[in-house]
Amino acid sequence: MSLDARKSYDFLMQHAIYIVLIGLIIVIAIYDPRFMSVTTIRDILLQSSTRAIIALGAAFVLITGGVDLSTGRVVGLTAVLSASMLQVADYSRRFYPDMPDLPLWLPIMLAILAGLLVGVINGTIVAKFSVPPFIATLGTMVMVYGVNSIYFDMKPNESQPIGGLRSDFTELGSGAFGTGEYSVPYIVIIAIVISILVWVIFSKTRLGKNMYAIGGNVHAAIVSGINVERNLLYLYAIAGALYGLAGVLEAARTGGATNNYGNMYELDAIAACVVGGVSTAGGIGTVPGILAGVLIFGVINYGLTFIGINPYWQLIIKGLIIVAAVAFDIRKYLNKK
């Protein structure tokens, strides 16, 4: 292979995710030019915002070579927790009938702390007891769903969907700076801020460097003096806190919550990360790639529905993209070896 051909090949390999995203947008726009409207782009970003926060949280675990199956259930738990404490006073099925109106920040912080606590439990089980992440988070996934279901079934709620949320809370999920189609939703701004913070952690902090080192070769990380147990605990805790924030925003965006919120979100998060270049072998992953992976699935979900493609075909297309991304990742890993 010539030098120019090699450079072109390397460029395509490095930027494949962005090429696929642009290609998807072009194909759908050719089929229906209305897809390129400002309103459509705004809606895709709005729907992708919480998914981006969840995927960024999952990436902290995936880059270390682990996997977190409790993601979706933590989102559900924190959505229910925050919604149950932020209902209007005169709602007929108020979760806490005698509770005074709490400051908006308090239930939000309690929900995020609940997510962080689950992350700490996951990190402790994995780091202290050397339980494989798949098994550890599978166990916490089931337990968190059980805890959430017991809480959700408390009287007087008794497993009824939580509604009647306060306007200052729902404004987080549906409000925006500006008016009309050119307004910028608050939830999109929050997702951008979180993305920047995660990028800083990944790229500019010792914790980020240790994360990549652990995922690249855990034995080499230990030899180099990295405290693997402590770092894993921090990384799982951050992931849990991000899931908690996403659960809060999901409740605010939809205006309610049930104990089934977040079901299977972990698979979407893992898929977005893998498609976005996070290596299944650990040690590799970038924030722009993860966000591109989230947007690819956002474009698929919204765009294919927009042009009237059967939802079952959408699942097939998503599955093919996931398999191709993993196969591509494994291929690159083998080539490096």
Protein backbone atom coordinates (compact mmCIF):
# COMPACT_ATOMS: atom_id res chain seq x y z
CA MET A 1 0.00 0.00 0.00
CA SER A 2 1.35 3.43 -1.00
CA LEU A 3 1.94 6.18 1.52
CA ASP A 4 -1.03 8.24 0.24
CA ALA A 5 -3.31 5.20 0.32
CA ARG A 6 -2.16 4.41 3.85
CA LYS A 7 -2.87 7.99 4.96
CA SER A 8 -6.34 7.85 3.39
CA TYR A 9 -7.03 4.51 5.05
CA ASP A 10 -5.89 5.78 8.45
CA PHE A 11 -8.04 8.90 8.05
CA LEU A 12 -11.10 6.80 7.27
CA MET A 13 -10.44 4.52 10.24
CA GLN A 14 -9.99 7.45 12.63
CA HIS A 15 -13.07 9.33 11.44
CA ALA A 16 -15.39 6.47 10.44
CA ILE A 17 -17.98 7.32 13.11
CA TYR A 18 -18.36 10.91 11.87
CA ILE A 19 -18.52 9.79 8.25
CA VAL A 20 -21.33 7.35 9.10
CA LEU A 21 -23.23 10.07 11.00
CA ILE A 22 -22.95 12.56 8.14
CA GLY A 23 -23.88 9.84 5.64
CA LEU A 24 -27.03 8.95 7.60
CA ILE A 25 -28.11 12.58 7.72
CA ILE A 26 -27.50 13.08 3.99
CA VAL A 27 -29.44 9.92 3.00
CA ILE A 28 -32.46 10.83 5.14
CA ALA A 29 -32.34 14.48 3.97
CA ILE A 30 -32.31 13.40 0.33
CA TYR A 31 -35.36 11.22 0.97
CA ASP A 32 -37.17 14.06 2.77
CA PRO A 33 -35.51 17.52 2.75
CA ARG A 34 -37.71 18.63 5.67
CA PHE A 35 -35.44 16.56 7.88
CA MET A 36 -32.85 19.36 7.78
CA SER A 37 -35.17 21.86 9.45
CA VAL A 38 -34.08 23.60 12.64
CA THR A 39 -37.03 22.07 14.50
CA THR A 40 -35.98 18.53 13.60
CA ILE A 41 -32.37 19.09 14.64
CA ARG A 42 -33.59 20.65 17.91
CA ASP A 43 -35.85 17.65 18.61
CA ILE A 44 -33.02 15.17 17.97
CA LEU A 45 -30.71 17.05 20.33
CA LEU A 46 -33.48 17.25 22.95
CA GLN A 47 -34.12 13.50 22.83
CA SER A 48 -30.41 12.66 22.77
CA SER A 49 -29.38 14.84 25.72
CA THR A 50 -30.19 12.45 28.59
CA ARG A 51 -28.89 9.52 26.53
CA ALA A 52 -25.61 11.37 26.09
CA ILE A 53 -25.23 11.89 29.86
CA ILE A 54 -25.99 8.19 30.45
CA ALA A 55 -23.50 7.09 27.77
CA LEU A 56 -20.79 9.33 29.21
CA GLY A 57 -21.37 7.73 32.62
CA ALA A 58 -21.18 4.24 31.13
CA ALA A 59 -17.93 5.18 29.38
CA PHE A 60 -16.14 5.63 32.73
CA VAL A 61 -16.71 1.93 33.38
CA LEU A 62 -16.25 0.65 29.81
CA ILE A 63 -12.86 2.34 29.37
CA THR A 64 -11.58 0.49 32.45
CA GLY A 65 -12.49 -2.76 30.69
CA GLY A 66 -15.69 -3.27 32.70
CA VAL A 67 -19.40 -3.02 31.98
CA ASP A 68 -22.27 -1.57 34.02
CA LEU A 69 -25.62 -3.33 33.69
CA SER A 70 -27.25 -1.34 36.51
CA THR A 71 -27.36 1.86 34.43
CA GLY A 72 -31.00 1.81 33.38
CA ARG A 73 -32.35 0.80 36.78
CA VAL A 74 -30.40 3.63 38.46
CA VAL A 75 -31.98 6.04 35.96
CA GLY A 76 -35.39 4.65 36.91
CA LEU A 77 -34.72 4.87 40.64
CA THR A 78 -33.56 8.47 40.52
CA ALA A 79 -36.41 9.49 38.21
CA VAL A 80 -38.92 8.10 40.71
CA LEU A 81 -37.12 9.60 43.72
CA SER A 82 -36.97 13.11 42.29
CA ALA A 83 -40.50 13.02 40.85
CA SER A 84 -42.01 11.74 44.11
CA MET A 85 -40.71 14.76 46.01
CA LEU A 86 -41.52 17.42 43.40
CA GLN A 87 -45.28 17.15 42.89
CA VAL A 88 -47.68 20.08 43.15
CA ALA A 89 -49.33 20.47 46.56
CA ASP A 90 -52.91 19.93 45.33
CA TYR A 91 -52.23 16.82 43.22
CA SER A 92 -54.85 14.19 44.11
CA ARG A 93 -52.39 11.28 44.27
CA ARG A 94 -49.45 13.08 45.84
CA PHE A 95 -46.69 10.68 46.91
CA TYR A 96 -46.09 12.62 50.15
CA PRO A 97 -49.42 14.30 50.96
CA ASP A 98 -48.14 16.18 54.01
CA MET A 99 -44.69 17.15 52.74
CA PRO A 100 -44.14 20.91 52.31
CA ASP A 101 -42.76 22.15 49.01
CA LEU A 102 -39.05 21.46 49.01
CA PRO A 103 -36.44 23.67 47.35
CA LEU A 104 -35.93 22.40 43.80
CA TRP A 105 -32.27 21.61 44.35
CA LEU A 106 -32.82 19.33 47.34
CA PRO A 107 -34.70 16.39 45.68
CA ILE A 108 -32.39 16.70 42.67
CA MET A 109 -29.30 16.42 44.85
CA LEU A 110 -30.81 13.52 46.83
CA ALA A 111 -31.50 11.65 43.58
CA ILE A 112 -27.98 12.26 42.26
CA LEU A 113 -26.54 11.11 45.60
CA ALA A 114 -28.67 7.95 45.37
CA GLY A 115 -27.13 7.26 41.96
CA LEU A 116 -23.67 7.96 43.34
CA LEU A 117 -24.33 5.54 46.21
CA VAL A 118 -25.20 2.74 43.79
CA GLY A 119 -21.99 3.55 41.90
CA VAL A 120 -19.99 3.31 45.12
CA ILE A 121 -21.58 -0.08 45.85
CA ASN A 122 -20.73 -1.27 42.33
CA GLY A 123 -17.16 0.00 42.65
CA THR A 124 -16.72 -1.61 46.05
CA ILE A 125 -17.95 -5.00 44.86
CA VAL A 126 -15.70 -4.88 41.78
CA ALA A 127 -12.60 -3.35 43.37
CA LYS A 128 -12.61 -4.76 46.91
CA PHE A 129 -14.09 -8.19 46.29
CA SER A 130 -12.75 -8.76 42.74
CA VAL A 131 -16.20 -9.69 41.42
CA PRO A 132 -16.32 -9.39 37.60
CA PRO A 133 -18.13 -6.15 36.64
CA PHE A 134 -20.72 -8.02 34.58
CA ILE A 135 -21.81 -10.11 37.59
CA ALA A 136 -21.48 -7.30 40.14
CA THR A 137 -23.62 -4.84 38.19
CA LEU A 138 -26.08 -7.55 37.16
CA GLY A 139 -26.71 -8.14 40.87
CA THR A 140 -27.10 -4.44 41.67
CA MET A 141 -29.35 -3.99 38.64
CA VAL A 142 -31.81 -6.51 40.08
CA MET A 143 -31.51 -5.11 43.61
CA VAL A 144 -31.99 -1.48 42.52
CA TYR A 145 -35.10 -2.43 40.56
CA GLY A 146 -36.43 -4.22 43.64
CA VAL A 147 -35.76 -1.24 45.90
CA ASN A 148 -37.34 1.14 43.38
CA SER A 149 -40.42 -1.08 43.00
CA ILE A 150 -40.91 -1.29 46.79
CA TYR A 151 -40.60 2.50 47.06
CA PHE A 152 -42.93 3.02 44.07
CA ASP A 153 -45.53 0.69 45.64
CA MET A 154 -45.65 2.60 48.95
CA LYS A 155 -48.97 3.99 50.10
CA PRO A 156 -50.67 6.12 48.99
CA ASN A 157 -49.03 5.76 45.56
CA GLU A 158 -49.35 1.96 45.27
CA SER A 159 -47.55 1.63 41.92
CA GLN A 160 -49.45 4.41 40.13
CA PRO A 161 -47.50 6.52 37.61
CA ILE A 162 -46.14 9.62 39.35
CA GLY A 163 -47.55 12.77 37.79
CA GLY A 164 -48.51 16.31 38.71
CA LEU A 165 -44.91 17.52 38.76
CA ARG A 166 -44.09 21.09 39.67
CA SER A 167 -43.59 23.52 36.82
CA ASP A 168 -40.16 24.62 38.07
CA PHE A 169 -39.05 20.98 37.79
CA THR A 170 -40.56 20.22 34.37
CA GLU A 171 -39.07 23.48 33.11
CA LEU A 172 -35.64 21.81 33.36
CA GLY A 173 -36.72 19.24 30.79
CA SER A 174 -38.99 21.29 28.53
CA GLY A 175 -37.83 24.89 28.99
CA ALA A 176 -35.39 26.74 26.76
CA PHE A 177 -33.40 29.92 26.31
CA GLY A 178 -35.19 31.99 23.71
CA THR A 179 -38.46 31.31 21.93
CA GLY A 180 -39.56 29.51 18.80
CA GLU A 181 -37.60 27.00 16.75
CA TYR A 182 -34.27 28.73 17.38
CA SER A 183 -34.52 28.36 21.17
CA VAL A 184 -31.93 26.25 22.98
CA PRO A 185 -33.41 23.73 25.47
CA TYR A 186 -32.00 23.81 29.00
CA ILE A 187 -31.51 20.06 28.91
CA VAL A 188 -29.25 20.38 25.84
CA ILE A 189 -27.15 23.01 27.62
CA ILE A 190 -26.86 20.75 30.66
CA ALA A 191 -25.71 17.88 28.43
CA ILE A 192 -23.09 20.14 26.79
CA VAL A 193 -21.77 21.27 30.20
CA ILE A 194 -21.56 17.65 31.41
CA SER A 195 -19.78 16.66 28.19
CA ILE A 196 -17.17 19.38 28.72
CA LEU A 197 -16.64 18.33 32.34
CA VAL A 198 -16.25 14.68 31.34
CA TRP A 199 -13.80 15.67 28.60
CA VAL A 200 -11.75 17.54 31.20
CA ILE A 201 -11.73 14.47 33.47
CA PHE A 202 -10.77 12.18 30.60
CA SER A 203 -8.06 14.41 29.17
CA LYS A 204 -6.70 16.69 31.88
CA THR A 205 -6.84 14.86 35.20
CA ARG A 206 -4.84 12.12 36.87
CA LEU A 207 -8.06 10.13 37.36
CA GLY A 208 -8.62 10.15 33.61
CA LYS A 209 -5.07 9.03 32.86
CA ASN A 210 -5.38 6.27 35.46
CA MET A 211 -8.69 5.19 33.92
CA TYR A 212 -7.06 4.66 30.53
CA ALA A 213 -4.08 2.93 32.14
CA ILE A 214 -6.32 0.48 34.04
CA GLY A 215 -8.29 -0.31 30.91
CA GLY A 216 -5.17 -0.68 28.79
CA ASN A 217 -3.37 -3.08 31.13
CA VAL A 218 -4.43 -3.41 34.75
CA HIS A 219 -1.28 -5.32 35.75
CA ALA A 220 0.96 -2.64 34.28
CA ALA A 221 -1.13 -0.01 36.08
CA ILE A 222 -0.55 -1.76 39.41
CA VAL A 223 3.18 -2.03 38.77
CA SER A 224 3.35 1.68 37.90
CA GLY A 225 1.94 2.54 41.32
CA ILE A 226 -1.68 3.29 40.45
CA ASN A 227 -4.14 2.50 43.25
CA VAL A 228 -6.55 0.51 41.07
CA GLU A 229 -9.11 -0.13 43.83
CA ARG A 230 -9.45 3.54 44.77
CA ASN A 231 -9.62 4.70 41.15
CA LEU A 232 -12.27 2.14 40.25
CA LEU A 233 -14.32 3.27 43.23
CA TYR A 234 -14.14 6.90 42.04
CA LEU A 235 -14.97 5.98 38.44
CA TYR A 236 -18.01 3.87 39.32
CA ALA A 237 -19.20 6.60 41.71
CA ILE A 238 -18.98 9.27 38.98
CA ALA A 239 -20.85 6.97 36.60
CA GLY A 240 -23.61 6.46 39.16
CA ALA A 241 -23.92 10.20 39.78
CA LEU A 242 -24.32 10.82 36.03
CA TYR A 243 -27.02 8.16 35.82
CA GLY A 244 -28.72 9.92 38.72
CA LEU A 245 -28.63 13.27 36.94
CA ALA A 246 -29.97 11.65 33.77
CA GLY A 247 -32.85 10.10 35.74
CA VAL A 248 -33.78 13.50 37.17
CA LEU A 249 -33.73 15.10 33.72
CA GLU A 250 -35.71 12.24 32.20
CA ALA A 251 -38.47 12.72 34.79
CA ALA A 252 -38.44 16.49 34.16
CA ARG A 253 -38.52 16.00 30.37
CA THR A 254 -41.42 13.53 30.34
CA GLY A 255 -43.37 15.09 33.20
CA GLY A 256 -43.64 11.91 35.25
CA ALA A 257 -42.00 8.65 36.28
CA THR A 258 -42.63 4.97 36.93
CA ASN A 259 -40.42 2.20 38.26
CA ASN A 260 -39.91 0.97 34.68
CA TYR A 261 -38.19 4.16 33.58
CA GLY A 262 -34.72 3.49 32.23
CA ASN A 263 -35.43 -0.12 31.28
CA MET A 264 -32.72 -1.33 28.86
CA TYR A 265 -31.03 2.08 28.77
CA GLU A 266 -27.77 0.36 29.67
CA LEU A 267 -27.78 -1.45 26.33
CA ASP A 268 -28.35 1.79 24.42
CA ALA A 269 -25.53 3.45 26.38
CA ILE A 270 -23.10 0.59 25.75
CA ALA A 271 -24.07 0.52 22.07
CA ALA A 272 -23.53 4.29 21.69
CA CYS A 273 -20.13 4.03 23.38
CA VAL A 274 -18.97 1.09 21.27
CA VAL A 275 -20.20 2.67 18.04
CA GLY A 276 -18.47 5.87 19.17
CA GLY A 277 -15.10 4.16 19.42
CA VAL A 278 -14.91 3.01 23.04
CA SER A 279 -12.94 -0.22 22.83
CA THR A 280 -14.54 -3.41 24.14
CA ALA A 281 -11.04 -4.35 25.31
CA GLY A 282 -10.77 -1.20 27.45
CA GLY A 283 -8.30 1.68 27.43
CA ILE A 284 -9.73 3.57 24.45
CA GLY A 285 -12.54 6.11 24.15
CA THR A 286 -13.16 9.82 23.58
CA VAL A 287 -15.99 12.19 24.49
CA PRO A 288 -16.56 13.41 20.88
CA GLY A 289 -16.76 9.80 19.69
CA ILE A 290 -19.28 8.87 22.40
CA LEU A 291 -21.44 11.89 21.56
CA ALA A 292 -21.30 10.97 17.87
CA GLY A 293 -22.41 7.45 18.77
CA VAL A 294 -25.39 8.84 20.72
CA LEU A 295 -26.30 11.11 17.80
CA ILE A 296 -26.14 8.22 15.34
CA PHE A 297 -28.79 6.35 17.30
CA GLY A 298 -30.73 9.59 17.75
CA VAL A 299 -30.74 10.13 13.99
CA ILE A 300 -31.74 6.50 13.42
CA ASN A 301 -34.61 6.62 15.93
CA TYR A 302 -35.94 10.02 14.91
CA GLY A 303 -34.92 10.10 11.25
CA LEU A 304 -36.22 6.70 10.21
CA THR A 305 -39.50 7.36 12.01
CA PHE A 306 -39.59 10.76 10.28
CA ILE A 307 -39.50 9.15 6.84
CA GLY A 308 -41.91 6.37 7.83
CA ILE A 309 -39.62 3.37 8.16
CA ASN A 310 -41.14 0.45 10.10
CA PRO A 311 -39.81 0.46 13.71
CA TYR A 312 -38.84 -3.21 13.36
CA TRP A 313 -36.51 -2.31 10.50
CA GLN A 314 -35.01 0.36 12.72
CA LEU A 315 -34.07 -2.34 15.24
CA ILE A 316 -32.42 -4.40 12.51
CA ILE A 317 -30.42 -1.40 11.31
CA LYS A 318 -29.32 -0.54 14.87
CA GLY A 319 -28.29 -4.15 15.47
CA LEU A 320 -26.23 -4.25 12.28
CA ILE A 321 -24.45 -1.01 13.21
CA ILE A 322 -23.62 -2.35 16.69
CA VAL A 323 -22.26 -5.66 15.36
CA ALA A 324 -20.25 -3.87 12.66
CA ALA A 325 -18.78 -1.45 15.23
CA VAL A 326 -17.69 -4.26 17.57
CA ALA A 327 -16.24 -6.28 14.67
CA PHE A 328 -14.38 -3.18 13.51
CA ASP A 329 -13.06 -2.58 17.03
CA ILE A 330 -11.85 -6.17 17.40
CA ARG A 331 -10.22 -5.96 13.97
CA LYS A 332 -8.27 -2.86 15.00
CA TYR A 333 -7.24 -4.52 18.26
CA LEU A 334 -5.96 -7.61 16.44
CA ASN A 335 -4.06 -5.48 13.94
CA LYS A 336 -2.31 -3.65 16.79
CA LYS A 337 -1.26 -6.96 18.33
